[in-house]
Amino acid sequence: MHEIILCKLGEVVLKGLNRRSFEMKLMSNIRLRTTRFGKFEIYSKQSTIYVEPAEPTCNVSAAVAACKQVFGIISVARALP
């Protein structure tokens, strides 16, 4: 059984296309910070960014710490799918 990481966005005032571009930039920043800990699938649904390990050898604990350092993320939680 593997864990996933849930990254909750803060109050984002942007609407429309600007909001989506902001979410894409956040996902890009998360991808940059987590690449050294393994391969992760990163996607967004309903103002939450999901970071799911693509390999069983991913270091989830280190990825959680890396996600907490991304500007724009208000909370990070580990969850079971």
PDB file of N, CA and C in Angstrom:
ATOM      1  N   MET A   1       0.837  -1.172   0.000  1.00  0.00           N
ATOM      2  CA  MET A   1       0.000   0.000   0.000  1.00  0.00           C
ATOM      3  C   MET A   1       0.887   1.243   0.000  1.00  0.00           C
ATOM      4  N   HIS A   2       0.557   2.199  -0.837  1.00  0.00           N
ATOM      5  CA  HIS A   2       1.362   3.407  -0.909  1.00  0.00           C
ATOM      6  C   HIS A   2       0.549   4.625  -0.479  1.00  0.00           C
ATOM      7  N   GLU A   3       1.253   5.645  -0.052  1.00  0.00           N
ATOM      8  CA  GLU A   3       0.616   6.882   0.395  1.00  0.00           C
ATOM      9  C   GLU A   3       0.633   7.903  -0.729  1.00  0.00           C
ATOM     10  N   ILE A   4      -0.250   8.866  -0.649  1.00  0.00           N
ATOM     11  CA  ILE A   4      -0.200  10.010  -1.542  1.00  0.00           C
ATOM     12  C   ILE A   4      -0.085  11.264  -0.678  1.00  0.00           C
ATOM     13  N   ILE A   5       0.344  12.339  -1.293  1.00  0.00           N
ATOM     14  CA  ILE A   5       0.511  13.605  -0.596  1.00  0.00           C
ATOM     15  C   ILE A   5      -0.545  14.572  -1.120  1.00  0.00           C
ATOM     16  N   LEU A   6      -1.268  15.206  -0.208  1.00  0.00           N
ATOM     17  CA  LEU A   6      -2.277  16.192  -0.564  1.00  0.00           C
ATOM     18  C   LEU A   6      -1.744  17.576  -0.211  1.00  0.00           C
ATOM     19  N   CYS A   7      -1.668  18.455  -1.185  1.00  0.00           N
ATOM     20  CA  CYS A   7      -1.203  19.825  -0.970  1.00  0.00           C
ATOM     21  C   CYS A   7      -2.386  20.754  -1.168  1.00  0.00           C
ATOM     22  N   LYS A   8      -2.784  21.436  -0.117  1.00  0.00           N
ATOM     23  CA  LYS A   8      -3.945  22.321  -0.168  1.00  0.00           C
ATOM     24  C   LYS A   8      -3.484  23.740  -0.460  1.00  0.00           C
ATOM     25  N   LEU A   9      -4.165  24.372  -1.416  1.00  0.00           N
ATOM     26  CA  LEU A   9      -3.847  25.746  -1.774  1.00  0.00           C
ATOM     27  C   LEU A   9      -4.491  26.695  -0.778  1.00  0.00           C
ATOM     28  N   GLY A  10      -3.886  27.855  -0.610  1.00  0.00           N
ATOM     29  CA  GLY A  10      -4.482  28.886   0.229  1.00  0.00           C
ATOM     30  C   GLY A  10      -5.614  29.567  -0.510  1.00  0.00           C
ATOM     31  N   GLU A  11      -6.075  30.662   0.010  1.00  0.00           N
ATOM     32  CA  GLU A  11      -7.124  31.450  -0.642  1.00  0.00           C
ATOM     33  C   GLU A  11      -6.544  32.054  -1.908  1.00  0.00           C
ATOM     34  N   VAL A  12      -6.907  31.512  -3.035  1.00  0.00           N
ATOM     35  CA  VAL A  12      -6.428  32.025  -4.311  1.00  0.00           C
ATOM     36  C   VAL A  12      -7.488  32.963  -4.866  1.00  0.00           C
ATOM     37  N   VAL A  13      -7.114  34.225  -5.078  1.00  0.00           N
ATOM     38  CA  VAL A  13      -8.047  35.235  -5.536  1.00  0.00           C
ATOM     39  C   VAL A  13      -8.185  35.193  -7.054  1.00  0.00           C
ATOM     40  N   LEU A  14      -7.230  34.603  -7.728  1.00  0.00           N
ATOM     41  CA  LEU A  14      -7.253  34.573  -9.185  1.00  0.00           C
ATOM     42  C   LEU A  14      -8.437  33.762  -9.701  1.00  0.00           C
ATOM     43  N   LYS A  15      -9.014  34.218 -10.786  1.00  0.00           N
ATOM     44  CA  LYS A  15     -10.150  33.520 -11.386  1.00  0.00           C
ATOM     45  C   LYS A  15      -9.863  33.261 -12.855  1.00  0.00           C
ATOM     46  N   GLY A  16     -10.555  32.308 -13.411  1.00  0.00           N
ATOM     47  CA  GLY A  16     -10.446  32.036 -14.839  1.00  0.00           C
ATOM     48  C   GLY A  16      -9.114  31.423 -15.219  1.00  0.00           C
ATOM     49  N   LEU A  17      -8.571  31.876 -16.350  1.00  0.00           N
ATOM     50  CA  LEU A  17      -7.325  31.318 -16.874  1.00  0.00           C
ATOM     51  C   LEU A  17      -6.130  31.615 -15.982  1.00  0.00           C
ATOM     52  N   ASN A  18      -6.152  32.729 -15.262  1.00  0.00           N
ATOM     53  CA  ASN A  18      -5.039  33.058 -14.378  1.00  0.00           C
ATOM     54  C   ASN A  18      -4.916  32.059 -13.234  1.00  0.00           C
ATOM     55  N   ARG A  19      -6.033  31.584 -12.733  1.00  0.00           N
ATOM     56  CA  ARG A  19      -6.007  30.607 -11.641  1.00  0.00           C
ATOM     57  C   ARG A  19      -5.353  29.308 -12.101  1.00  0.00           C
ATOM     58  N   ARG A  20      -5.724  28.851 -13.276  1.00  0.00           N
ATOM     59  CA  ARG A  20      -5.157  27.597 -13.788  1.00  0.00           C
ATOM     60  C   ARG A  20      -3.654  27.735 -14.033  1.00  0.00           C
ATOM     61  N   SER A  21      -3.217  28.874 -14.527  1.00  0.00           N
ATOM     62  CA  SER A  21      -1.783  29.065 -14.760  1.00  0.00           C
ATOM     63  C   SER A  21      -1.027  29.111 -13.436  1.00  0.00           C
ATOM     64  N   PHE A  22      -1.657  29.670 -12.392  1.00  0.00           N
ATOM     65  CA  PHE A  22      -1.033  29.665 -11.065  1.00  0.00           C
ATOM     66  C   PHE A  22      -0.906  28.239 -10.532  1.00  0.00           C
ATOM     67  N   GLU A  23      -1.956  27.426 -10.696  1.00  0.00           N
ATOM     68  CA  GLU A  23      -1.901  26.033 -10.260  1.00  0.00           C
ATOM     69  C   GLU A  23      -0.845  25.255 -11.036  1.00  0.00           C
ATOM     70  N   MET A  24      -0.726  25.514 -12.326  1.00  0.00           N
ATOM     71  CA  MET A  24       0.293  24.840 -13.143  1.00  0.00           C
ATOM     72  C   MET A  24       1.695  25.218 -12.665  1.00  0.00           C
ATOM     73  N   LYS A  25       1.895  26.471 -12.301  1.00  0.00           N
ATOM     74  CA  LYS A  25       3.194  26.912 -11.794  1.00  0.00           C
ATOM     75  C   LYS A  25       3.502  26.245 -10.453  1.00  0.00           C
ATOM     76  N   LEU A  26       2.506  26.128  -9.585  1.00  0.00           N
ATOM     77  CA  LEU A  26       2.697  25.425  -8.319  1.00  0.00           C
ATOM     78  C   LEU A  26       3.076  23.959  -8.552  1.00  0.00           C
ATOM     79  N   MET A  27       2.383  23.301  -9.479  1.00  0.00           N
ATOM     80  CA  MET A  27       2.693  21.904  -9.772  1.00  0.00           C
ATOM     81  C   MET A  27       4.102  21.773 -10.346  1.00  0.00           C
ATOM     82  N   SER A  28       4.522  22.732 -11.148  1.00  0.00           N
ATOM     83  CA  SER A  28       5.876  22.729 -11.689  1.00  0.00           C
ATOM     84  C   SER A  28       6.905  22.885 -10.571  1.00  0.00           C
ATOM     85  N   ASN A  29       6.635  23.769  -9.621  1.00  0.00           N
ATOM     86  CA  ASN A  29       7.551  23.954  -8.492  1.00  0.00           C
ATOM     87  C   ASN A  29       7.623  22.706  -7.622  1.00  0.00           C
ATOM     88  N   ILE A  30       6.489  22.044  -7.406  1.00  0.00           N
ATOM     89  CA  ILE A  30       6.483  20.800  -6.632  1.00  0.00           C
ATOM     90  C   ILE A  30       7.274  19.725  -7.374  1.00  0.00           C
ATOM     91  N   ARG A  31       7.091  19.648  -8.682  1.00  0.00           N
ATOM     92  CA  ARG A  31       7.817  18.656  -9.489  1.00  0.00           C
ATOM     93  C   ARG A  31       9.329  18.874  -9.386  1.00  0.00           C
ATOM     94  N   LEU A  32       9.756  20.136  -9.432  1.00  0.00           N
ATOM     95  CA  LEU A  32      11.191  20.444  -9.323  1.00  0.00           C
ATOM     96  C   LEU A  32      11.756  20.038  -7.966  1.00  0.00           C
ATOM     97  N   ARG A  33      10.994  20.273  -6.908  1.00  0.00           N
ATOM     98  CA  ARG A  33      11.491  19.958  -5.554  1.00  0.00           C
ATOM     99  C   ARG A  33      11.473  18.466  -5.231  1.00  0.00           C
ATOM    100  N   THR A  34      10.594  17.697  -5.881  1.00  0.00           N
ATOM    101  CA  THR A  34      10.467  16.277  -5.530  1.00  0.00           C
ATOM    102  C   THR A  34      11.203  15.331  -6.480  1.00  0.00           C
ATOM    103  N   THR A  35      11.809  15.827  -7.547  1.00  0.00           N
ATOM    104  CA  THR A  35      12.438  14.926  -8.519  1.00  0.00           C
ATOM    105  C   THR A  35      13.578  14.109  -7.926  1.00  0.00           C
ATOM    106  N   ARG A  36      14.297  14.653  -6.978  1.00  0.00           N
ATOM    107  CA  ARG A  36      15.434  13.892  -6.411  1.00  0.00           C
ATOM    108  C   ARG A  36      14.999  12.796  -5.451  1.00  0.00           C
ATOM    109  N   PHE A  37      13.701  12.752  -5.085  1.00  0.00           N
ATOM    110  CA  PHE A  37      13.205  11.746  -4.159  1.00  0.00           C
ATOM    111  C   PHE A  37      12.458  10.616  -4.854  1.00  0.00           C
ATOM    112  N   GLY A  38      12.419  10.643  -6.171  1.00  0.00           N
ATOM    113  CA  GLY A  38      11.746   9.603  -6.935  1.00  0.00           C
ATOM    114  C   GLY A  38      10.821  10.214  -7.968  1.00  0.00           C
ATOM    115  N   LYS A  39      10.131   9.347  -8.688  1.00  0.00           N
ATOM    116  CA  LYS A  39       9.207   9.810  -9.729  1.00  0.00           C
ATOM    117  C   LYS A  39       7.797   9.889  -9.146  1.00  0.00           C
ATOM    118  N   PHE A  40       7.179  11.061  -9.266  1.00  0.00           N
ATOM    119  CA  PHE A  40       5.845  11.293  -8.730  1.00  0.00           C
ATOM    120  C   PHE A  40       4.915  11.776  -9.829  1.00  0.00           C
ATOM    121  N   GLU A  41       3.649  11.353  -9.751  1.00  0.00           N
ATOM    122  CA  GLU A  41       2.603  11.888 -10.616  1.00  0.00           C
ATOM    123  C   GLU A  41       1.960  13.045  -9.867  1.00  0.00           C
ATOM    124  N   ILE A  42       1.874  14.198 -10.512  1.00  0.00           N
ATOM    125  CA  ILE A  42       1.336  15.389  -9.865  1.00  0.00           C
ATOM    126  C   ILE A  42       0.156  15.883 -10.684  1.00  0.00           C
ATOM    127  N   TYR A  43      -1.000  16.007 -10.031  1.00  0.00           N
ATOM    128  CA  TYR A  43      -2.193  16.497 -10.713  1.00  0.00           C
ATOM    129  C   TYR A  43      -3.052  17.295  -9.730  1.00  0.00           C
ATOM    130  N   SER A  44      -3.979  18.069 -10.272  1.00  0.00           N
ATOM    131  CA  SER A  44      -4.784  18.981  -9.468  1.00  0.00           C
ATOM    132  C   SER A  44      -6.269  18.705  -9.665  1.00  0.00           C
ATOM    133  N   LYS A  45      -7.021  18.730  -8.544  1.00  0.00           N
ATOM    134  CA  LYS A  45      -8.476  18.613  -8.559  1.00  0.00           C
ATOM    135  C   LYS A  45      -9.033  19.436  -7.404  1.00  0.00           C
ATOM    136  N   GLN A  46      -9.967  20.306  -7.680  1.00  0.00           N
ATOM    137  CA  GLN A  46     -10.706  21.071  -6.675  1.00  0.00           C
ATOM    138  C   GLN A  46      -9.800  21.756  -5.647  1.00  0.00           C
ATOM    139  N   SER A  47      -8.887  22.563  -6.117  1.00  0.00           N
ATOM    140  CA  SER A  47      -7.975  23.345  -5.269  1.00  0.00           C
ATOM    141  C   SER A  47      -7.075  22.488  -4.389  1.00  0.00           C
ATOM    142  N   THR A  48      -6.849  21.249  -4.783  1.00  0.00           N
ATOM    143  CA  THR A  48      -5.921  20.366  -4.087  1.00  0.00           C
ATOM    144  C   THR A  48      -4.977  19.774  -5.116  1.00  0.00           C
ATOM    145  N   ILE A  49      -3.696  19.781  -4.793  1.00  0.00           N
ATOM    146  CA  ILE A  49      -2.701  19.172  -5.671  1.00  0.00           C
ATOM    147  C   ILE A  49      -2.337  17.813  -5.075  1.00  0.00           C
ATOM    148  N   TYR A  50      -2.453  16.786  -5.878  1.00  0.00           N
ATOM    149  CA  TYR A  50      -2.147  15.413  -5.459  1.00  0.00           C
ATOM    150  C   TYR A  50      -0.766  15.048  -5.967  1.00  0.00           C
ATOM    151  N   VAL A  51       0.072  14.534  -5.072  1.00  0.00           N
ATOM    152  CA  VAL A  51       1.415  14.073  -5.427  1.00  0.00           C
ATOM    153  C   VAL A  51       1.445  12.581  -5.107  1.00  0.00           C
ATOM    154  N   GLU A  52       1.426  11.775  -6.160  1.00  0.00           N
ATOM    155  CA  GLU A  52       1.321  10.328  -6.000  1.00  0.00           C
ATOM    156  C   GLU A  52       2.602   9.653  -6.477  1.00  0.00           C
ATOM    157  N   PRO A  53       3.207   8.791  -5.648  1.00  0.00           N
ATOM    158  CA  PRO A  53       4.424   8.104  -6.076  1.00  0.00           C
ATOM    159  C   PRO A  53       4.146   7.182  -7.259  1.00  0.00           C
ATOM    160  N   ALA A  54       5.000   7.262  -8.278  1.00  0.00           N
ATOM    161  CA  ALA A  54       4.847   6.417  -9.459  1.00  0.00           C
ATOM    162  C   ALA A  54       5.656   5.131  -9.321  1.00  0.00           C
ATOM    163  N   GLU A  55       6.576   5.099  -8.369  1.00  0.00           N
ATOM    164  CA  GLU A  55       7.431   3.930  -8.135  1.00  0.00           C
ATOM    165  C   GLU A  55       7.403   3.590  -6.646  1.00  0.00           C
ATOM    166  N   PRO A  56       7.580   2.315  -6.293  1.00  0.00           N
ATOM    167  CA  PRO A  56       7.578   1.951  -4.866  1.00  0.00           C
ATOM    168  C   PRO A  56       8.831   2.422  -4.120  1.00  0.00           C
ATOM    169  N   THR A  57       9.861   2.847  -4.839  1.00  0.00           N
ATOM    170  CA  THR A  57      11.105   3.264  -4.194  1.00  0.00           C
ATOM    171  C   THR A  57      11.137   4.753  -3.859  1.00  0.00           C
ATOM    172  N   CYS A  58      10.037   5.467  -4.062  1.00  0.00           N
ATOM    173  CA  CYS A  58       9.985   6.907  -3.786  1.00  0.00           C
ATOM    174  C   CYS A  58      10.065   7.175  -2.287  1.00  0.00           C
ATOM    175  N   ASN A  59      10.786   8.222  -1.929  1.00  0.00           N
ATOM    176  CA  ASN A  59      10.911   8.636  -0.546  1.00  0.00           C
ATOM    177  C   ASN A  59       9.800   9.642  -0.241  1.00  0.00           C
ATOM    178  N   VAL A  60       8.693   9.165   0.289  1.00  0.00           N
ATOM    179  CA  VAL A  60       7.517  10.004   0.513  1.00  0.00           C
ATOM    180  C   VAL A  60       7.767  11.002   1.642  1.00  0.00           C
ATOM    181  N   SER A  61       8.459  10.598   2.682  1.00  0.00           N
ATOM    182  CA  SER A  61       8.727  11.503   3.809  1.00  0.00           C
ATOM    183  C   SER A  61       9.520  12.721   3.371  1.00  0.00           C
ATOM    184  N   ALA A  62      10.534  12.517   2.550  1.00  0.00           N
ATOM    185  CA  ALA A  62      11.330  13.637   2.053  1.00  0.00           C
ATOM    186  C   ALA A  62      10.522  14.493   1.090  1.00  0.00           C
ATOM    187  N   ALA A  63       9.645  13.885   0.322  1.00  0.00           N
ATOM    188  CA  ALA A  63       8.805  14.640  -0.606  1.00  0.00           C
ATOM    189  C   ALA A  63       7.803  15.510   0.153  1.00  0.00           C
ATOM    190  N   VAL A  64       7.301  15.023   1.278  1.00  0.00           N
ATOM    191  CA  VAL A  64       6.398  15.823   2.109  1.00  0.00           C
ATOM    192  C   VAL A  64       7.122  17.060   2.617  1.00  0.00           C
ATOM    193  N   ALA A  65       8.344  16.881   3.090  1.00  0.00           N
ATOM    194  CA  ALA A  65       9.132  18.017   3.578  1.00  0.00           C
ATOM    195  C   ALA A  65       9.413  19.009   2.452  1.00  0.00           C
ATOM    196  N   ALA A  66       9.651  18.516   1.246  1.00  0.00           N
ATOM    197  CA  ALA A  66       9.916  19.393   0.102  1.00  0.00           C
ATOM    198  C   ALA A  66       8.661  20.156  -0.297  1.00  0.00           C
ATOM    199  N   CYS A  67       7.492  19.516  -0.229  1.00  0.00           N
ATOM    200  CA  CYS A  67       6.237  20.180  -0.589  1.00  0.00           C
ATOM    201  C   CYS A  67       5.902  21.297   0.396  1.00  0.00           C
ATOM    202  N   LYS A  68       6.280  21.132   1.651  1.00  0.00           N
ATOM    203  CA  LYS A  68       6.006  22.161   2.654  1.00  0.00           C
ATOM    204  C   LYS A  68       6.781  23.445   2.392  1.00  0.00           C
ATOM    205  N   GLN A  69       7.844  23.377   1.593  1.00  0.00           N
ATOM    206  CA  GLN A  69       8.673  24.541   1.316  1.00  0.00           C
ATOM    207  C   GLN A  69       8.229  25.315   0.078  1.00  0.00           C
ATOM    208  N   VAL A  70       7.212  24.844  -0.625  1.00  0.00           N
ATOM    209  CA  VAL A  70       6.744  25.517  -1.836  1.00  0.00           C
ATOM    210  C   VAL A  70       5.823  26.668  -1.447  1.00  0.00           C
ATOM    211  N   PHE A  71       6.115  27.850  -1.957  1.00  0.00           N
ATOM    212  CA  PHE A  71       5.294  29.019  -1.681  1.00  0.00           C
ATOM    213  C   PHE A  71       3.928  28.876  -2.357  1.00  0.00           C
ATOM    214  N   GLY A  72       2.856  29.139  -1.626  1.00  0.00           N
ATOM    215  CA  GLY A  72       1.507  29.026  -2.170  1.00  0.00           C
ATOM    216  C   GLY A  72       0.763  27.814  -1.640  1.00  0.00           C
ATOM    217  N   ILE A  73       1.479  26.898  -1.004  1.00  0.00           N
ATOM    218  CA  ILE A  73       0.866  25.719  -0.407  1.00  0.00           C
ATOM    219  C   ILE A  73       0.624  26.026   1.060  1.00  0.00           C
ATOM    220  N   ILE A  74      -0.623  25.897   1.503  1.00  0.00           N
ATOM    221  CA  ILE A  74      -0.955  26.257   2.878  1.00  0.00           C
ATOM    222  C   ILE A  74      -0.852  25.068   3.828  1.00  0.00           C
ATOM    223  N   SER A  75      -1.147  23.853   3.330  1.00  0.00           N
ATOM    224  CA  SER A  75      -1.025  22.672   4.183  1.00  0.00           C
ATOM    225  C   SER A  75      -0.682  21.458   3.328  1.00  0.00           C
ATOM    226  N   VAL A  76       0.030  20.529   3.966  1.00  0.00           N
ATOM    227  CA  VAL A  76       0.452  19.295   3.309  1.00  0.00           C
ATOM    228  C   VAL A  76       0.045  18.143   4.232  1.00  0.00           C
ATOM    229  N   ALA A  77      -0.571  17.119   3.655  1.00  0.00           N
ATOM    230  CA  ALA A  77      -0.993  15.961   4.441  1.00  0.00           C
ATOM    231  C   ALA A  77      -0.706  14.682   3.675  1.00  0.00           C
ATOM    232  N   ARG A  78      -0.395  13.639   4.420  1.00  0.00           N
ATOM    233  CA  ARG A  78      -0.222  12.314   3.824  1.00  0.00           C
ATOM    234  C   ARG A  78      -1.554  11.583   3.931  1.00  0.00           C
ATOM    235  N   ALA A  79      -1.884  10.810   2.894  1.00  0.00           N
ATOM    236  CA  ALA A  79      -3.160  10.088   2.893  1.00  0.00           C
ATOM    237  C   ALA A  79      -3.008   8.752   2.188  1.00  0.00           C
ATOM    238  N   LEU A  80      -3.880   7.834   2.523  1.00  0.00           N
ATOM    239  CA  LEU A  80      -3.945   6.553   1.825  1.00  0.00           C
ATOM    240  C   LEU A  80      -5.041   6.646   0.771  1.00  0.00           C
ATOM    241  N   PRO A  81      -4.757   6.169  -0.453  1.00  0.00           N
ATOM    242  CA  PRO A  81      -5.783   6.243  -1.500  1.00  0.00           C
ATOM    243  C   PRO A  81      -6.924   5.285  -1.260  1.00  0.00           C
TER     244      PRO A  81
END
